[in-house]
């Protein structure tokens, strides 16, 4: 018997109309890097977090790189320090 871990279709179904409208607006805008949608996301997410700034980036590795650069600038991390992160092995 297979037990579903998470039914994303069911979880997100109520958001489909808004997601489809946003996706349509994104594609029709022609800006796939930066653009109005990213500006709007950054502002809304910063407001949500109660902070002044938010930077939208492309992926988790870029996020880690920015964090490490900030830690180096703050003197909490030095060039050459080892950073160990967990991994998740996918099962076939």
N, C-alpha and C. Protein backbone atom coordinates (compact mmCIF):
# COMPACT_ATOMS: atom_id res chain seq x y z
N UNK A 1 0.84 -1.17 0.00
CA UNK A 1 0.00 0.00 0.00
C UNK A 1 0.89 1.24 0.00
N UNK A 2 0.59 2.17 -0.87
CA UNK A 2 1.35 3.41 -0.94
C UNK A 2 0.61 4.50 -0.16
N UNK A 3 1.35 5.17 0.72
CA UNK A 3 0.80 6.27 1.50
C UNK A 3 1.38 7.56 0.96
N UNK A 4 0.50 8.46 0.50
CA UNK A 4 0.99 9.72 -0.03
C UNK A 4 1.55 10.57 1.11
N UNK A 5 2.73 11.12 0.87
CA UNK A 5 3.34 11.98 1.87
C UNK A 5 2.64 13.33 1.94
N UNK A 6 2.43 13.93 0.77
CA UNK A 6 1.82 15.24 0.74
C UNK A 6 1.13 15.42 -0.60
N UNK A 7 -0.16 15.66 -0.57
CA UNK A 7 -0.95 15.87 -1.80
C UNK A 7 -0.92 17.36 -2.12
N UNK A 8 0.09 17.79 -2.88
CA UNK A 8 0.25 19.22 -3.21
C UNK A 8 -0.91 19.75 -4.04
N UNK A 9 -1.49 18.89 -4.87
CA UNK A 9 -2.65 19.32 -5.65
C UNK A 9 -3.78 19.75 -4.72
N UNK A 10 -4.07 18.93 -3.75
CA UNK A 10 -5.16 19.24 -2.80
C UNK A 10 -4.83 20.47 -1.95
N UNK A 11 -3.59 20.55 -1.50
CA UNK A 11 -3.17 21.67 -0.66
C UNK A 11 -3.27 23.00 -1.41
N UNK A 12 -2.87 23.01 -2.67
CA UNK A 12 -2.78 24.26 -3.44
C UNK A 12 -4.00 24.57 -4.30
N UNK A 13 -4.94 23.66 -4.39
CA UNK A 13 -6.09 23.83 -5.29
C UNK A 13 -6.83 25.14 -5.08
N UNK A 14 -7.04 25.55 -3.84
CA UNK A 14 -7.77 26.78 -3.58
C UNK A 14 -7.01 28.03 -4.04
N UNK A 15 -5.70 27.89 -4.27
CA UNK A 15 -4.88 29.02 -4.71
C UNK A 15 -4.71 29.08 -6.23
N UNK A 16 -5.23 28.08 -6.95
CA UNK A 16 -5.02 28.01 -8.39
C UNK A 16 -5.41 29.29 -9.14
N UNK A 17 -6.59 29.85 -8.91
CA UNK A 17 -6.95 31.05 -9.68
C UNK A 17 -5.93 32.18 -9.51
N UNK A 18 -5.53 32.45 -8.28
CA UNK A 18 -4.55 33.51 -8.03
C UNK A 18 -3.19 33.15 -8.64
N UNK A 19 -2.79 31.90 -8.49
CA UNK A 19 -1.50 31.47 -9.04
C UNK A 19 -1.50 31.56 -10.56
N UNK A 20 -2.59 31.18 -11.19
CA UNK A 20 -2.67 31.23 -12.66
C UNK A 20 -2.66 32.68 -13.15
N UNK A 21 -3.38 33.56 -12.45
CA UNK A 21 -3.37 34.98 -12.83
C UNK A 21 -1.97 35.59 -12.68
N UNK A 22 -1.31 35.25 -11.60
CA UNK A 22 0.04 35.77 -11.36
C UNK A 22 1.02 35.23 -12.40
N UNK A 23 0.91 33.94 -12.71
CA UNK A 23 1.78 33.33 -13.71
C UNK A 23 1.55 33.96 -15.08
N UNK A 24 0.29 34.18 -15.43
CA UNK A 24 -0.05 34.81 -16.72
C UNK A 24 0.54 36.23 -16.78
N UNK A 25 0.36 36.98 -15.70
CA UNK A 25 0.89 38.35 -15.64
C UNK A 25 2.42 38.35 -15.76
N UNK A 26 3.05 37.38 -15.12
CA UNK A 26 4.51 37.24 -15.18
C UNK A 26 4.97 37.00 -16.62
N UNK A 27 4.35 36.02 -17.30
CA UNK A 27 4.76 35.71 -18.67
C UNK A 27 4.44 36.84 -19.64
N UNK A 28 3.30 37.47 -19.46
CA UNK A 28 2.93 38.57 -20.36
C UNK A 28 3.80 39.80 -20.15
N UNK A 29 4.38 39.92 -18.96
CA UNK A 29 5.26 41.05 -18.67
C UNK A 29 6.59 40.98 -19.39
N UNK A 30 7.03 39.75 -19.74
CA UNK A 30 8.26 39.58 -20.49
C UNK A 30 9.54 39.71 -19.68
N UNK A 31 9.44 39.93 -18.38
CA UNK A 31 10.63 40.03 -17.51
C UNK A 31 10.76 38.75 -16.72
N UNK A 32 11.69 37.89 -17.11
CA UNK A 32 11.85 36.61 -16.43
C UNK A 32 12.98 36.65 -15.41
N UNK A 33 13.78 37.69 -15.47
CA UNK A 33 14.80 37.95 -14.46
C UNK A 33 14.55 39.38 -14.00
N UNK A 34 14.43 39.56 -12.72
CA UNK A 34 14.08 40.85 -12.12
C UNK A 34 12.68 41.24 -12.55
N UNK A 35 12.41 42.50 -12.76
CA UNK A 35 11.08 42.91 -13.19
C UNK A 35 10.14 43.21 -12.04
N UNK A 36 8.92 43.59 -12.41
CA UNK A 36 7.91 44.03 -11.45
C UNK A 36 7.52 42.95 -10.44
N UNK A 37 7.37 41.72 -10.91
CA UNK A 37 6.95 40.64 -10.01
C UNK A 37 7.98 40.40 -8.90
N UNK A 38 9.25 40.46 -9.25
CA UNK A 38 10.30 40.27 -8.24
C UNK A 38 10.30 41.45 -7.27
N UNK A 39 10.18 42.66 -7.79
CA UNK A 39 10.11 43.84 -6.92
C UNK A 39 8.95 43.73 -5.94
N UNK A 40 7.79 43.31 -6.45
CA UNK A 40 6.61 43.16 -5.61
C UNK A 40 6.83 42.08 -4.55
N UNK A 41 7.39 40.94 -4.96
CA UNK A 41 7.68 39.87 -4.01
C UNK A 41 8.62 40.35 -2.90
N UNK A 42 9.70 41.01 -3.29
CA UNK A 42 10.69 41.46 -2.31
C UNK A 42 10.06 42.42 -1.30
N UNK A 43 9.24 43.34 -1.77
CA UNK A 43 8.60 44.30 -0.87
C UNK A 43 7.61 43.59 0.06
N UNK A 44 6.75 42.75 -0.51
CA UNK A 44 5.74 42.07 0.30
C UNK A 44 6.38 41.12 1.31
N UNK A 45 7.43 40.42 0.90
CA UNK A 45 8.07 39.48 1.82
C UNK A 45 8.82 40.22 2.93
N UNK A 46 9.45 41.32 2.59
CA UNK A 46 10.12 42.13 3.62
C UNK A 46 9.09 42.63 4.63
N UNK A 47 7.95 43.10 4.13
CA UNK A 47 6.88 43.55 5.03
C UNK A 47 6.41 42.39 5.92
N UNK A 48 6.22 41.24 5.32
CA UNK A 48 5.76 40.06 6.05
C UNK A 48 6.74 39.69 7.17
N UNK A 49 8.04 39.80 6.85
CA UNK A 49 9.08 39.44 7.83
C UNK A 49 9.36 40.56 8.83
N UNK A 50 8.81 41.75 8.57
CA UNK A 50 9.05 42.88 9.46
C UNK A 50 10.46 43.43 9.33
N UNK A 51 11.00 43.38 8.13
CA UNK A 51 12.34 43.89 7.89
C UNK A 51 12.30 44.92 6.78
N UNK A 52 13.37 45.66 6.65
CA UNK A 52 13.41 46.74 5.67
C UNK A 52 13.67 46.24 4.25
N UNK A 53 14.45 45.16 4.11
CA UNK A 53 14.86 44.69 2.79
C UNK A 53 14.61 43.19 2.61
N UNK A 54 14.48 42.80 1.37
CA UNK A 54 14.43 41.40 0.98
C UNK A 54 15.08 41.32 -0.40
N UNK A 55 15.86 40.28 -0.62
CA UNK A 55 16.49 40.07 -1.92
C UNK A 55 16.03 38.73 -2.46
N UNK A 56 15.32 38.76 -3.57
CA UNK A 56 14.91 37.52 -4.23
C UNK A 56 16.08 36.97 -5.03
N UNK A 57 16.38 35.69 -4.84
CA UNK A 57 17.49 35.07 -5.57
C UNK A 57 16.99 33.80 -6.25
N UNK A 58 17.85 33.20 -7.05
CA UNK A 58 17.40 32.10 -7.91
C UNK A 58 17.34 30.74 -7.23
N UNK A 59 18.15 30.50 -6.21
CA UNK A 59 18.16 29.16 -5.63
C UNK A 59 18.82 29.15 -4.24
N UNK A 60 18.75 28.00 -3.60
CA UNK A 60 19.30 27.86 -2.25
C UNK A 60 20.80 28.01 -2.16
N UNK A 61 21.51 27.57 -3.17
CA UNK A 61 22.97 27.71 -3.15
C UNK A 61 23.36 29.19 -3.17
N UNK A 62 22.68 29.98 -4.00
CA UNK A 62 22.96 31.42 -4.01
C UNK A 62 22.63 32.04 -2.66
N UNK A 63 21.57 31.56 -2.01
CA UNK A 63 21.22 32.07 -0.69
C UNK A 63 22.34 31.79 0.31
N UNK A 64 22.85 30.57 0.28
CA UNK A 64 23.96 30.22 1.18
C UNK A 64 25.19 31.06 0.91
N UNK A 65 25.49 31.28 -0.36
CA UNK A 65 26.66 32.09 -0.70
C UNK A 65 26.52 33.52 -0.16
N UNK A 66 25.32 34.10 -0.28
CA UNK A 66 25.10 35.45 0.25
C UNK A 66 25.24 35.47 1.77
N UNK A 67 24.69 34.45 2.43
CA UNK A 67 24.81 34.38 3.89
C UNK A 67 26.28 34.28 4.30
N UNK A 68 27.04 33.42 3.61
CA UNK A 68 28.45 33.26 3.96
C UNK A 68 29.24 34.54 3.71
N UNK A 69 28.94 35.24 2.63
CA UNK A 69 29.62 36.51 2.37
C UNK A 69 29.29 37.52 3.47
N UNK A 70 28.05 37.54 3.91
CA UNK A 70 27.66 38.44 5.01
C UNK A 70 28.40 38.07 6.30
N UNK A 71 28.48 36.77 6.59
CA UNK A 71 29.20 36.33 7.78
C UNK A 71 30.68 36.70 7.71
N UNK A 72 31.26 36.60 6.52
CA UNK A 72 32.66 37.01 6.36
C UNK A 72 32.80 38.51 6.61
N UNK A 73 31.87 39.30 6.09
CA UNK A 73 31.92 40.76 6.29
C UNK A 73 31.77 41.11 7.77
N UNK A 74 31.01 40.30 8.50
CA UNK A 74 30.81 40.54 9.94
C UNK A 74 31.94 39.94 10.79
N UNK A 75 32.86 39.23 10.15
CA UNK A 75 33.96 38.62 10.89
C UNK A 75 33.59 37.34 11.60
N UNK A 76 32.47 36.73 11.26
CA UNK A 76 32.03 35.49 11.90
C UNK A 76 32.48 34.26 11.12
N UNK A 77 32.96 34.48 9.91
CA UNK A 77 33.42 33.40 9.05
C UNK A 77 34.64 33.91 8.31
N UNK A 78 35.61 33.05 8.10
CA UNK A 78 36.83 33.44 7.39
C UNK A 78 36.99 32.62 6.13
N UNK A 79 37.67 33.18 5.15
CA UNK A 79 37.97 32.47 3.91
C UNK A 79 38.68 31.17 4.28
N UNK A 80 38.21 30.07 3.69
CA UNK A 80 38.81 28.77 3.97
C UNK A 80 38.14 27.99 5.08
N UNK A 81 37.24 28.63 5.85
CA UNK A 81 36.51 27.89 6.88
C UNK A 81 35.66 26.80 6.23
N UNK A 82 35.50 25.71 6.95
CA UNK A 82 34.68 24.60 6.43
C UNK A 82 33.25 24.78 6.92
N UNK A 83 32.32 24.63 6.00
CA UNK A 83 30.90 24.70 6.33
C UNK A 83 30.29 23.36 5.92
N UNK A 84 29.67 22.67 6.86
CA UNK A 84 29.08 21.36 6.59
C UNK A 84 27.57 21.52 6.58
N UNK A 85 26.96 21.07 5.51
CA UNK A 85 25.50 21.14 5.39
C UNK A 85 24.94 19.74 5.18
N UNK A 86 23.73 19.49 5.64
CA UNK A 86 23.15 18.14 5.48
C UNK A 86 22.77 17.89 4.02
N UNK A 87 22.67 16.64 3.69
CA UNK A 87 22.22 16.25 2.36
C UNK A 87 21.08 15.26 2.51
N UNK A 88 20.31 15.18 1.49
CA UNK A 88 19.20 14.22 1.49
C UNK A 88 19.43 13.29 0.32
N UNK A 89 19.57 12.02 0.62
CA UNK A 89 19.77 11.03 -0.44
C UNK A 89 18.42 10.59 -0.95
N UNK A 90 18.21 10.72 -2.25
CA UNK A 90 16.95 10.31 -2.85
C UNK A 90 16.96 8.81 -3.07
N UNK A 91 15.85 8.18 -2.78
CA UNK A 91 15.70 6.73 -2.97
C UNK A 91 14.94 6.50 -4.27
N UNK A 92 15.40 5.54 -5.04
CA UNK A 92 14.70 5.18 -6.29
C UNK A 92 13.66 4.14 -6.02
